[in-house]
Amino acid sequence: MSGDTILKGVGLRLLAIFFLSTMSALVKLAETRGATLFETMFWRQFCALPVVIAFVAAGPGLASLRTHRFKAHLGRSAVGLLGMVFTFGSVMLLPLAEATTFQFTVPIFATILGALVLGERTGWQRWTAVLVGFLGVLVVAQPGSGHHVSPFGAMVGLLAALFVAIVAILLRQLGRTENSGTTVFWFSLLSVPPLALAYAFNLKPHDAATWGILVSIGLIGGMGQIALTAAMRYAPVAVVVPMDYSGLVWATIYGWVLFGFLPGTSTWMGAPIIVASGLFIVWREHRLGRQKVKTAAAVDEA
């Protein structure tokens, strides 16, 4: 890949994280104005649909939305919806910076799932990184200390990261036959009916500003998803994933500007530990992947 292409991938990933961080801030803002969890989730998925359809139409075309793996999309959507419950729940329960910090444990859970579920070989270096990452979680959460991160909120935040890692495995399997636009479309489409049913029991009146926030959650979330997907076309995973940690900057800014809340000392101490753990895991995965490619190339030449 050329330098310009990689730069484009990095730029798109940074844009994606900005959009998704903005979406999280809007989710929390909607909650303070009386919006419920399922109400927020419904508008996130419903308003994202036209954005995703437009993206697919401008790219591979609407014909690419046809699939022969409906059951796989159904399973991915069920897991994704449960993960969204925890993700949005953590944003509502925790300060933005802390909710974002717990999301950084995704590479840690991905390593554990890869070893236990997929049978991937995991050496002592990555297991050490996993332990160090959870040490960072304990520093942030400080269970039993009575500080501003509630144990329940921390548990929801970690469950959100776990389900993101599970979805990543499902997407890896779906990606063998489906393009990313098709997968995002089916997730959005299949999640709307159950969310509409749950929303029907949570109907509430809102002022115009709150309705605007709810619609914006879907539109901005859809754009973030597209930018996240597009970034992978231009740059390797090991290059773009470190950009995700810029989310902590946006979460801190939004938390301060919108809610008058800054991260506590424990978050500033624990977040770098979690980030370092995640970056090492990503770097290690990238290095091992390159070694496998070189070994395969040497075998072919022989």
C-alpha atoms as a PDB file:
ATOM      1  CA  MET A   1       0.000   0.000   0.000  1.00  0.00           C
ATOM      2  CA  SER A   2       1.242   3.503  -0.810  1.00  0.00           C
ATOM      3  CA  GLY A   3       1.793   6.184   1.810  1.00  0.00           C
ATOM      4  CA  ASP A   4      -1.145   8.205   0.489  1.00  0.00           C
ATOM      5  CA  THR A   5      -3.461   5.192   0.722  1.00  0.00           C
ATOM      6  CA  ILE A   6      -2.434   4.410   4.301  1.00  0.00           C
ATOM      7  CA  LEU A   7      -2.860   8.078   5.221  1.00  0.00           C
ATOM      8  CA  LYS A   8      -6.404   7.934   3.816  1.00  0.00           C
ATOM      9  CA  GLY A   9      -7.136   4.829   5.901  1.00  0.00           C
ATOM     10  CA  VAL A  10      -5.838   6.484   9.064  1.00  0.00           C
ATOM     11  CA  GLY A  11      -7.848   9.636   8.319  1.00  0.00           C
ATOM     12  CA  LEU A  12     -11.046   7.635   7.803  1.00  0.00           C
ATOM     13  CA  ARG A  13     -10.489   5.725  11.050  1.00  0.00           C
ATOM     14  CA  LEU A  14      -9.978   8.973  12.962  1.00  0.00           C
ATOM     15  CA  LEU A  15     -13.150  10.361  11.358  1.00  0.00           C
ATOM     16  CA  ALA A  16     -15.028   7.183  12.314  1.00  0.00           C
ATOM     17  CA  ILE A  17     -13.940   7.445  15.942  1.00  0.00           C
ATOM     18  CA  PHE A  18     -14.992  11.104  16.006  1.00  0.00           C
ATOM     19  CA  PHE A  19     -18.451  10.171  14.674  1.00  0.00           C
ATOM     20  CA  LEU A  20     -18.876   7.260  17.090  1.00  0.00           C
ATOM     21  CA  SER A  21     -17.652   9.326  20.045  1.00  0.00           C
ATOM     22  CA  THR A  22     -20.143  12.035  19.082  1.00  0.00           C
ATOM     23  CA  MET A  23     -22.869   9.391  18.874  1.00  0.00           C
ATOM     24  CA  SER A  24     -22.030   8.191  22.408  1.00  0.00           C
ATOM     25  CA  ALA A  25     -22.198  11.749  23.712  1.00  0.00           C
ATOM     26  CA  LEU A  26     -25.608  12.174  22.058  1.00  0.00           C
ATOM     27  CA  VAL A  27     -26.808   8.884  23.584  1.00  0.00           C
ATOM     28  CA  LYS A  28     -25.912  10.167  27.041  1.00  0.00           C
ATOM     29  CA  LEU A  29     -27.446  13.560  26.271  1.00  0.00           C
ATOM     30  CA  ALA A  30     -30.692  11.912  25.093  1.00  0.00           C
ATOM     31  CA  GLU A  31     -30.804   9.864  28.303  1.00  0.00           C
ATOM     32  CA  THR A  32     -30.533  13.023  30.427  1.00  0.00           C
ATOM     33  CA  ARG A  33     -33.517  14.391  28.483  1.00  0.00           C
ATOM     34  CA  GLY A  34     -35.681  11.357  29.261  1.00  0.00           C
ATOM     35  CA  ALA A  35     -34.992   8.981  26.329  1.00  0.00           C
ATOM     36  CA  THR A  36     -34.931   5.291  27.255  1.00  0.00           C
ATOM     37  CA  LEU A  37     -32.368   2.665  26.247  1.00  0.00           C
ATOM     38  CA  PHE A  38     -34.531   0.831  23.693  1.00  0.00           C
ATOM     39  CA  GLU A  39     -35.871   4.093  22.300  1.00  0.00           C
ATOM     40  CA  THR A  40     -32.320   5.297  21.666  1.00  0.00           C
ATOM     41  CA  MET A  41     -31.316   1.958  20.129  1.00  0.00           C
ATOM     42  CA  PHE A  42     -34.312   1.991  17.788  1.00  0.00           C
ATOM     43  CA  TRP A  43     -33.514   5.425  16.377  1.00  0.00           C
ATOM     44  CA  ARG A  44     -29.836   4.478  16.080  1.00  0.00           C
ATOM     45  CA  GLN A  45     -30.655   1.564  13.797  1.00  0.00           C
ATOM     46  CA  PHE A  46     -33.683   2.987  11.993  1.00  0.00           C
ATOM     47  CA  CYS A  47     -32.067   6.278  10.966  1.00  0.00           C
ATOM     48  CA  ALA A  48     -28.808   4.544  10.000  1.00  0.00           C
ATOM     49  CA  LEU A  49     -30.586   2.391   7.390  1.00  0.00           C
ATOM     50  CA  PRO A  50     -30.919   5.057   4.648  1.00  0.00           C
ATOM     51  CA  VAL A  51     -27.275   6.084   5.216  1.00  0.00           C
ATOM     52  CA  VAL A  52     -26.105   2.479   4.791  1.00  0.00           C
ATOM     53  CA  ILE A  53     -28.316   1.921   1.718  1.00  0.00           C
ATOM     54  CA  ALA A  54     -26.958   5.079   0.074  1.00  0.00           C
ATOM     55  CA  PHE A  55     -23.394   3.926   0.805  1.00  0.00           C
ATOM     56  CA  VAL A  56     -23.997   0.506  -0.739  1.00  0.00           C
ATOM     57  CA  ALA A  57     -25.785   2.002  -3.758  1.00  0.00           C
ATOM     58  CA  ALA A  58     -22.837   4.327  -4.415  1.00  0.00           C
ATOM     59  CA  GLY A  59     -20.339   1.465  -4.007  1.00  0.00           C
ATOM     60  CA  PRO A  60     -20.913  -2.191  -4.898  1.00  0.00           C
ATOM     61  CA  GLY A  61     -24.575  -1.560  -5.808  1.00  0.00           C
ATOM     62  CA  LEU A  62     -27.863  -2.658  -4.264  1.00  0.00           C
ATOM     63  CA  ALA A  63     -27.579  -6.080  -5.920  1.00  0.00           C
ATOM     64  CA  SER A  64     -24.779  -6.868  -3.453  1.00  0.00           C
ATOM     65  CA  LEU A  65     -27.332  -6.860  -0.625  1.00  0.00           C
ATOM     66  CA  ARG A  66     -28.598 -10.276  -1.720  1.00  0.00           C
ATOM     67  CA  THR A  67     -27.349 -12.996   0.572  1.00  0.00           C
ATOM     68  CA  HIS A  68     -27.349 -16.781   0.848  1.00  0.00           C
ATOM     69  CA  ARG A  69     -26.349 -16.627   4.516  1.00  0.00           C
ATOM     70  CA  PHE A  70     -29.495 -15.229   6.094  1.00  0.00           C
ATOM     71  CA  LYS A  71     -29.163 -17.401   9.227  1.00  0.00           C
ATOM     72  CA  ALA A  72     -25.609 -16.174   9.786  1.00  0.00           C
ATOM     73  CA  HIS A  73     -26.782 -12.548   9.509  1.00  0.00           C
ATOM     74  CA  LEU A  74     -29.637 -13.343  11.904  1.00  0.00           C
ATOM     75  CA  GLY A  75     -27.204 -14.735  14.477  1.00  0.00           C
ATOM     76  CA  ARG A  76     -24.838 -11.802  14.066  1.00  0.00           C
ATOM     77  CA  SER A  77     -27.763  -9.393  14.522  1.00  0.00           C
ATOM     78  CA  ALA A  78     -28.923 -11.122  17.722  1.00  0.00           C
ATOM     79  CA  VAL A  79     -25.431 -10.948  19.231  1.00  0.00           C
ATOM     80  CA  GLY A  80     -24.968  -7.388  17.946  1.00  0.00           C
ATOM     81  CA  LEU A  81     -28.229  -6.235  19.530  1.00  0.00           C
ATOM     82  CA  LEU A  82     -27.268  -7.696  22.892  1.00  0.00           C
ATOM     83  CA  GLY A  83     -23.883  -6.022  22.576  1.00  0.00           C
ATOM     84  CA  MET A  84     -25.570  -2.705  21.759  1.00  0.00           C
ATOM     85  CA  VAL A  85     -27.628  -3.006  24.957  1.00  0.00           C
ATOM     86  CA  PHE A  86     -24.415  -3.202  26.969  1.00  0.00           C
ATOM     87  CA  THR A  87     -22.618  -0.535  24.910  1.00  0.00           C
ATOM     88  CA  PHE A  88     -25.394   2.032  25.187  1.00  0.00           C
ATOM     89  CA  GLY A  89     -26.027   0.950  28.777  1.00  0.00           C
ATOM     90  CA  SER A  90     -22.416   1.643  29.747  1.00  0.00           C
ATOM     91  CA  VAL A  91     -22.611   5.113  28.187  1.00  0.00           C
ATOM     92  CA  MET A  92     -25.757   5.841  30.189  1.00  0.00           C
ATOM     93  CA  LEU A  93     -24.375   4.426  33.454  1.00  0.00           C
ATOM     94  CA  LEU A  94     -20.795   5.741  33.358  1.00  0.00           C
ATOM     95  CA  PRO A  95     -19.017   9.009  32.620  1.00  0.00           C
ATOM     96  CA  LEU A  96     -18.088   9.109  28.918  1.00  0.00           C
ATOM     97  CA  ALA A  97     -14.322   8.786  29.453  1.00  0.00           C
ATOM     98  CA  GLU A  98     -14.718   5.735  31.691  1.00  0.00           C
ATOM     99  CA  ALA A  99     -17.204   4.046  29.323  1.00  0.00           C
ATOM    100  CA  THR A 100     -14.744   4.636  26.462  1.00  0.00           C
ATOM    101  CA  THR A 101     -11.824   3.305  28.503  1.00  0.00           C
ATOM    102  CA  PHE A 102     -13.605   0.000  29.138  1.00  0.00           C
ATOM    103  CA  GLN A 103     -14.152  -0.295  25.375  1.00  0.00           C
ATOM    104  CA  PHE A 104     -10.372  -0.410  24.990  1.00  0.00           C
ATOM    105  CA  THR A 105     -10.404  -3.922  26.483  1.00  0.00           C
ATOM    106  CA  VAL A 106     -11.764  -5.334  23.194  1.00  0.00           C
ATOM    107  CA  PRO A 107      -8.307  -6.622  22.040  1.00  0.00           C
ATOM    108  CA  ILE A 108      -7.929  -8.337  25.418  1.00  0.00           C
ATOM    109  CA  PHE A 109     -11.235 -10.187  25.061  1.00  0.00           C
ATOM    110  CA  ALA A 110     -10.465 -10.928  21.400  1.00  0.00           C
ATOM    111  CA  THR A 111      -7.245 -12.663  22.490  1.00  0.00           C
ATOM    112  CA  ILE A 112      -9.078 -14.752  25.093  1.00  0.00           C
ATOM    113  CA  LEU A 113     -11.860 -15.731  22.678  1.00  0.00           C
ATOM    114  CA  GLY A 114      -9.370 -16.516  19.923  1.00  0.00           C
ATOM    115  CA  ALA A 115      -7.580 -18.949  22.225  1.00  0.00           C
ATOM    116  CA  LEU A 116     -10.623 -20.537  23.867  1.00  0.00           C
ATOM    117  CA  VAL A 117     -13.155 -20.542  21.006  1.00  0.00           C
ATOM    118  CA  LEU A 118     -11.098 -20.564  17.805  1.00  0.00           C
ATOM    119  CA  GLY A 119      -8.176 -22.557  19.193  1.00  0.00           C
ATOM    120  CA  GLU A 120      -5.660 -19.936  18.078  1.00  0.00           C
ATOM    121  CA  ARG A 121      -2.147 -20.310  19.451  1.00  0.00           C
ATOM    122  CA  THR A 122      -1.479 -17.620  22.039  1.00  0.00           C
ATOM    123  CA  GLY A 123       2.004 -17.276  23.522  1.00  0.00           C
ATOM    124  CA  TRP A 124       3.038 -16.062  26.947  1.00  0.00           C
ATOM    125  CA  GLN A 125       3.630 -12.536  25.668  1.00  0.00           C
ATOM    126  CA  ARG A 126       0.020 -11.978  24.670  1.00  0.00           C
ATOM    127  CA  TRP A 127      -1.262 -13.666  27.851  1.00  0.00           C
ATOM    128  CA  THR A 128       0.949 -11.287  29.824  1.00  0.00           C
ATOM    129  CA  ALA A 129      -0.578  -8.375  27.898  1.00  0.00           C
ATOM    130  CA  VAL A 130      -4.050  -9.684  28.798  1.00  0.00           C
ATOM    131  CA  LEU A 131      -3.173  -9.784  32.508  1.00  0.00           C
ATOM    132  CA  VAL A 132      -1.646  -6.307  32.348  1.00  0.00           C
ATOM    133  CA  GLY A 133      -4.791  -5.025  30.607  1.00  0.00           C
ATOM    134  CA  PHE A 134      -7.039  -6.367  33.354  1.00  0.00           C
ATOM    135  CA  LEU A 135      -4.731  -4.785  35.909  1.00  0.00           C
ATOM    136  CA  GLY A 136      -5.499  -1.491  34.165  1.00  0.00           C
ATOM    137  CA  VAL A 137      -9.221  -2.263  34.451  1.00  0.00           C
ATOM    138  CA  LEU A 138      -8.839  -2.742  38.210  1.00  0.00           C
ATOM    139  CA  VAL A 139      -7.010   0.590  38.460  1.00  0.00           C
ATOM    140  CA  VAL A 140      -9.868   2.371  36.634  1.00  0.00           C
ATOM    141  CA  ALA A 141     -12.717   0.565  38.405  1.00  0.00           C
ATOM    142  CA  GLN A 142     -11.154   0.359  41.891  1.00  0.00           C
ATOM    143  CA  PRO A 143     -13.779  -2.115  43.131  1.00  0.00           C
ATOM    144  CA  GLY A 144     -14.872  -1.495  46.694  1.00  0.00           C
ATOM    145  CA  SER A 145     -13.375   1.994  46.872  1.00  0.00           C
ATOM    146  CA  GLY A 146     -16.706   3.801  46.503  1.00  0.00           C
ATOM    147  CA  HIS A 147     -15.400   6.211  43.821  1.00  0.00           C
ATOM    148  CA  HIS A 148     -17.381   7.465  40.810  1.00  0.00           C
ATOM    149  CA  VAL A 149     -17.162   4.253  38.693  1.00  0.00           C
ATOM    150  CA  SER A 150     -19.935   1.986  39.962  1.00  0.00           C
ATOM    151  CA  PRO A 151     -19.206  -1.781  39.983  1.00  0.00           C
ATOM    152  CA  PHE A 152     -22.394  -2.415  37.982  1.00  0.00           C
ATOM    153  CA  GLY A 153     -21.450   0.202  35.393  1.00  0.00           C
ATOM    154  CA  ALA A 154     -17.944  -1.271  35.111  1.00  0.00           C
ATOM    155  CA  MET A 155     -19.417  -4.751  34.609  1.00  0.00           C
ATOM    156  CA  VAL A 156     -21.733  -3.460  31.856  1.00  0.00           C
ATOM    157  CA  GLY A 157     -18.784  -1.682  30.196  1.00  0.00           C
ATOM    158  CA  LEU A 158     -16.695  -4.873  30.198  1.00  0.00           C
ATOM    159  CA  LEU A 159     -19.621  -6.909  28.846  1.00  0.00           C
ATOM    160  CA  ALA A 160     -19.950  -4.356  26.041  1.00  0.00           C
ATOM    161  CA  ALA A 161     -16.287  -4.912  25.113  1.00  0.00           C
ATOM    162  CA  LEU A 162     -16.734  -8.694  25.319  1.00  0.00           C
ATOM    163  CA  PHE A 163     -19.642  -8.609  22.872  1.00  0.00           C
ATOM    164  CA  VAL A 164     -17.742  -6.333  20.496  1.00  0.00           C
ATOM    165  CA  ALA A 165     -15.011  -8.987  20.452  1.00  0.00           C
ATOM    166  CA  ILE A 166     -17.585 -11.737  19.822  1.00  0.00           C
ATOM    167  CA  VAL A 167     -19.081  -9.731  16.957  1.00  0.00           C
ATOM    168  CA  ALA A 168     -15.573  -9.301  15.503  1.00  0.00           C
ATOM    169  CA  ILE A 169     -15.230 -13.099  15.326  1.00  0.00           C
ATOM    170  CA  LEU A 170     -18.654 -13.433  13.679  1.00  0.00           C
ATOM    171  CA  LEU A 171     -17.769 -10.698  11.180  1.00  0.00           C
ATOM    172  CA  ARG A 172     -14.528 -12.498  10.340  1.00  0.00           C
ATOM    173  CA  GLN A 173     -16.554 -15.595   9.464  1.00  0.00           C
ATOM    174  CA  LEU A 174     -19.185 -13.616   7.527  1.00  0.00           C
ATOM    175  CA  GLY A 175     -16.471 -11.698   5.691  1.00  0.00           C
ATOM    176  CA  ARG A 176     -15.417 -14.840   3.841  1.00  0.00           C
ATOM    177  CA  THR A 177     -18.477 -14.505   1.598  1.00  0.00           C
ATOM    178  CA  GLU A 178     -20.134 -11.147   2.391  1.00  0.00           C
ATOM    179  CA  ASN A 179     -18.844  -7.628   1.856  1.00  0.00           C
ATOM    180  CA  SER A 180     -18.952  -5.205   4.769  1.00  0.00           C
ATOM    181  CA  GLY A 181     -21.787  -3.083   3.354  1.00  0.00           C
ATOM    182  CA  THR A 182     -24.028  -6.139   3.061  1.00  0.00           C
ATOM    183  CA  THR A 183     -23.295  -7.153   6.650  1.00  0.00           C
ATOM    184  CA  VAL A 184     -24.006  -3.682   8.038  1.00  0.00           C
ATOM    185  CA  PHE A 185     -27.244  -3.469   6.023  1.00  0.00           C
ATOM    186  CA  TRP A 186     -28.622  -6.777   7.292  1.00  0.00           C
ATOM    187  CA  PHE A 187     -27.700  -5.959  10.876  1.00  0.00           C
ATOM    188  CA  SER A 188     -29.530  -2.636  10.653  1.00  0.00           C
ATOM    189  CA  LEU A 189     -32.558  -4.146   8.892  1.00  0.00           C
ATOM    190  CA  LEU A 190     -32.928  -7.230  11.104  1.00  0.00           C
ATOM    191  CA  SER A 191     -32.522  -5.271  14.326  1.00  0.00           C
ATOM    192  CA  VAL A 192     -35.273  -2.738  13.582  1.00  0.00           C
ATOM    193  CA  PRO A 193     -38.350  -5.052  14.110  1.00  0.00           C
ATOM    194  CA  PRO A 194     -37.389  -6.322  17.613  1.00  0.00           C
ATOM    195  CA  LEU A 195     -36.315  -2.827  18.625  1.00  0.00           C
ATOM    196  CA  ALA A 196     -39.610  -1.409  17.312  1.00  0.00           C
ATOM    197  CA  LEU A 197     -41.473  -3.963  19.447  1.00  0.00           C
ATOM    198  CA  ALA A 198     -39.482  -2.988  22.551  1.00  0.00           C
ATOM    199  CA  TYR A 199     -39.897   0.692  21.648  1.00  0.00           C
ATOM    200  CA  ALA A 200     -43.678   0.260  21.492  1.00  0.00           C
ATOM    201  CA  PHE A 201     -43.663  -0.315  25.258  1.00  0.00           C
ATOM    202  CA  ASN A 202     -41.434   2.722  25.842  1.00  0.00           C
ATOM    203  CA  LEU A 203     -43.185   5.413  23.811  1.00  0.00           C
ATOM    204  CA  LYS A 204     -42.656   8.844  25.350  1.00  0.00           C
ATOM    205  CA  PRO A 205     -43.295  12.430  24.240  1.00  0.00           C
ATOM    206  CA  HIS A 206     -40.247  14.634  23.697  1.00  0.00           C
ATOM    207  CA  ASP A 207     -39.493  18.187  22.719  1.00  0.00           C
ATOM    208  CA  ALA A 208     -38.115  19.019  19.272  1.00  0.00           C
ATOM    209  CA  ALA A 209     -34.513  19.163  20.491  1.00  0.00           C
ATOM    210  CA  THR A 210     -34.663  15.643  21.932  1.00  0.00           C
ATOM    211  CA  TRP A 211     -36.186  14.265  18.714  1.00  0.00           C
ATOM    212  CA  GLY A 212     -33.372  15.952  16.832  1.00  0.00           C
ATOM    213  CA  ILE A 213     -30.815  14.269  19.097  1.00  0.00           C
ATOM    214  CA  LEU A 214     -32.410  10.843  18.595  1.00  0.00           C
ATOM    215  CA  VAL A 215     -32.400  11.192  14.801  1.00  0.00           C
ATOM    216  CA  SER A 216     -28.818  12.483  14.879  1.00  0.00           C
ATOM    217  CA  ILE A 217     -27.726   9.403  16.842  1.00  0.00           C
ATOM    218  CA  GLY A 218     -28.763   7.209  13.894  1.00  0.00           C
ATOM    219  CA  LEU A 219     -27.383   9.429  11.145  1.00  0.00           C
ATOM    220  CA  ILE A 220     -24.029  10.050  12.844  1.00  0.00           C
ATOM    221  CA  GLY A 221     -23.778   6.409  13.966  1.00  0.00           C
ATOM    222  CA  GLY A 222     -24.405   5.268  10.385  1.00  0.00           C
ATOM    223  CA  MET A 223     -21.722   7.594   9.036  1.00  0.00           C
ATOM    224  CA  GLY A 224     -19.318   6.364  11.706  1.00  0.00           C
ATOM    225  CA  GLN A 225     -19.973   2.755  10.726  1.00  0.00           C
ATOM    226  CA  ILE A 226     -19.321   3.541   7.062  1.00  0.00           C
ATOM    227  CA  ALA A 227     -16.081   5.391   7.820  1.00  0.00           C
ATOM    228  CA  LEU A 228     -14.985   2.504  10.052  1.00  0.00           C
ATOM    229  CA  THR A 229     -15.632   0.048   7.228  1.00  0.00           C
ATOM    230  CA  ALA A 230     -13.999   2.199   4.549  1.00  0.00           C
ATOM    231  CA  ALA A 231     -10.808   2.673   6.604  1.00  0.00           C
ATOM    232  CA  MET A 232     -10.087  -1.063   6.392  1.00  0.00           C
ATOM    233  CA  ARG A 233      -9.904  -0.832   2.590  1.00  0.00           C
ATOM    234  CA  TYR A 234      -6.985   1.553   2.639  1.00  0.00           C
ATOM    235  CA  ALA A 235      -4.753   0.516   5.548  1.00  0.00           C
ATOM    236  CA  PRO A 236      -3.864  -2.619   7.549  1.00  0.00           C
ATOM    237  CA  VAL A 237      -5.603  -3.364  10.862  1.00  0.00           C
ATOM    238  CA  ALA A 238      -2.384  -2.816  12.836  1.00  0.00           C
ATOM    239  CA  VAL A 239      -2.119   0.705  11.402  1.00  0.00           C
ATOM    240  CA  VAL A 240      -5.703   1.901  11.894  1.00  0.00           C
ATOM    241  CA  VAL A 241      -6.678   0.261  15.209  1.00  0.00           C
ATOM    242  CA  PRO A 242      -4.371   2.490  17.332  1.00  0.00           C
ATOM    243  CA  MET A 243      -6.440   5.445  16.059  1.00  0.00           C
ATOM    244  CA  ASP A 244      -9.345   4.099  18.150  1.00  0.00           C
ATOM    245  CA  TYR A 245      -7.667   5.439  21.283  1.00  0.00           C
ATOM    246  CA  SER A 246      -8.361   8.968  20.084  1.00  0.00           C
ATOM    247  CA  GLY A 247     -11.879   8.255  21.346  1.00  0.00           C
ATOM    248  CA  LEU A 248     -10.691   8.952  24.881  1.00  0.00           C
ATOM    249  CA  VAL A 249      -9.799  12.515  23.848  1.00  0.00           C
ATOM    250  CA  TRP A 250     -13.262  13.111  22.386  1.00  0.00           C
ATOM    251  CA  ALA A 251     -14.972  11.438  25.363  1.00  0.00           C
ATOM    252  CA  THR A 252     -13.059  13.695  27.763  1.00  0.00           C
ATOM    253  CA  ILE A 253     -13.939  16.827  25.776  1.00  0.00           C
ATOM    254  CA  TYR A 254     -17.634  15.908  25.454  1.00  0.00           C
ATOM    255  CA  GLY A 255     -17.807  14.869  29.112  1.00  0.00           C
ATOM    256  CA  TRP A 256     -16.418  18.227  30.190  1.00  0.00           C
ATOM    257  CA  VAL A 257     -18.319  20.473  27.737  1.00  0.00           C
ATOM    258  CA  LEU A 258     -21.728  18.772  27.897  1.00  0.00           C
ATOM    259  CA  PHE A 259     -21.814  17.296  31.399  1.00  0.00           C
ATOM    260  CA  GLY A 260     -19.151  19.200  33.357  1.00  0.00           C
ATOM    261  CA  PHE A 261     -17.313  16.009  34.227  1.00  0.00           C
ATOM    262  CA  LEU A 262     -13.600  15.235  33.903  1.00  0.00           C
ATOM    263  CA  PRO A 263     -12.029  11.766  34.338  1.00  0.00           C
ATOM    264  CA  GLY A 264     -10.738  10.940  37.804  1.00  0.00           C
ATOM    265  CA  THR A 265      -7.130  10.176  38.711  1.00  0.00           C
ATOM    266  CA  SER A 266      -7.767   6.424  38.549  1.00  0.00           C
ATOM    267  CA  THR A 267      -8.886   6.724  34.909  1.00  0.00           C
ATOM    268  CA  TRP A 268      -5.795   8.715  33.921  1.00  0.00           C
ATOM    269  CA  MET A 269      -3.659   6.036  35.620  1.00  0.00           C
ATOM    270  CA  GLY A 270      -5.492   2.968  34.363  1.00  0.00           C
ATOM    271  CA  ALA A 271      -6.299   4.011  30.784  1.00  0.00           C
ATOM    272  CA  PRO A 272      -2.630   4.101  29.616  1.00  0.00           C
ATOM    273  CA  ILE A 273      -2.144   0.573  31.012  1.00  0.00           C
ATOM    274  CA  ILE A 274      -5.159  -0.722  29.070  1.00  0.00           C
ATOM    275  CA  VAL A 275      -4.112   1.150  25.924  1.00  0.00           C
ATOM    276  CA  ALA A 276      -0.549  -0.207  26.130  1.00  0.00           C
ATOM    277  CA  SER A 277      -1.890  -3.737  26.553  1.00  0.00           C
ATOM    278  CA  GLY A 278      -4.187  -3.388  23.529  1.00  0.00           C
ATOM    279  CA  LEU A 279      -1.484  -1.846  21.358  1.00  0.00           C
ATOM    280  CA  PHE A 280       0.933  -4.666  22.200  1.00  0.00           C
ATOM    281  CA  ILE A 281      -1.669  -7.298  21.291  1.00  0.00           C
ATOM    282  CA  VAL A 282      -2.402  -5.574  17.959  1.00  0.00           C
ATOM    283  CA  TRP A 283       1.341  -5.213  17.221  1.00  0.00           C
ATOM    284  CA  ARG A 284       1.975  -8.849  18.115  1.00  0.00           C
ATOM    285  CA  GLU A 285      -0.890 -10.025  15.874  1.00  0.00           C
ATOM    286  CA  HIS A 286       0.489  -7.923  13.029  1.00  0.00           C
ATOM    287  CA  ARG A 287       4.028  -9.242  13.475  1.00  0.00           C
ATOM    288  CA  LEU A 288       2.908 -12.889  13.592  1.00  0.00           C
ATOM    289  CA  GLY A 289       0.724 -12.319  10.526  1.00  0.00           C
ATOM    290  CA  ARG A 290       3.710 -10.963   8.572  1.00  0.00           C
ATOM    291  CA  GLN A 291       5.819 -13.934   9.647  1.00  0.00           C
ATOM    292  CA  LYS A 292       3.152 -16.336   8.377  1.00  0.00           C
ATOM    293  CA  VAL A 293       3.077 -14.543   5.007  1.00  0.00           C
ATOM    294  CA  LYS A 294       6.877 -14.708   4.710  1.00  0.00           C
ATOM    295  CA  THR A 295       6.893 -18.399   5.633  1.00  0.00           C
ATOM    296  CA  ALA A 296       4.186 -19.173   3.092  1.00  0.00           C
ATOM    297  CA  ALA A 297       6.054 -17.223   0.393  1.00  0.00           C
ATOM    298  CA  ALA A 298       9.291 -19.110   1.178  1.00  0.00           C
ATOM    299  CA  VAL A 299       7.472 -22.453   0.894  1.00  0.00           C
ATOM    300  CA  ASP A 300       5.965 -21.443  -2.462  1.00  0.00           C
ATOM    301  CA  GLU A 301       9.374 -20.410  -3.814  1.00  0.00           C
ATOM    302  CA  ALA A 302      10.902 -23.686  -2.649  1.00  0.00           C
END
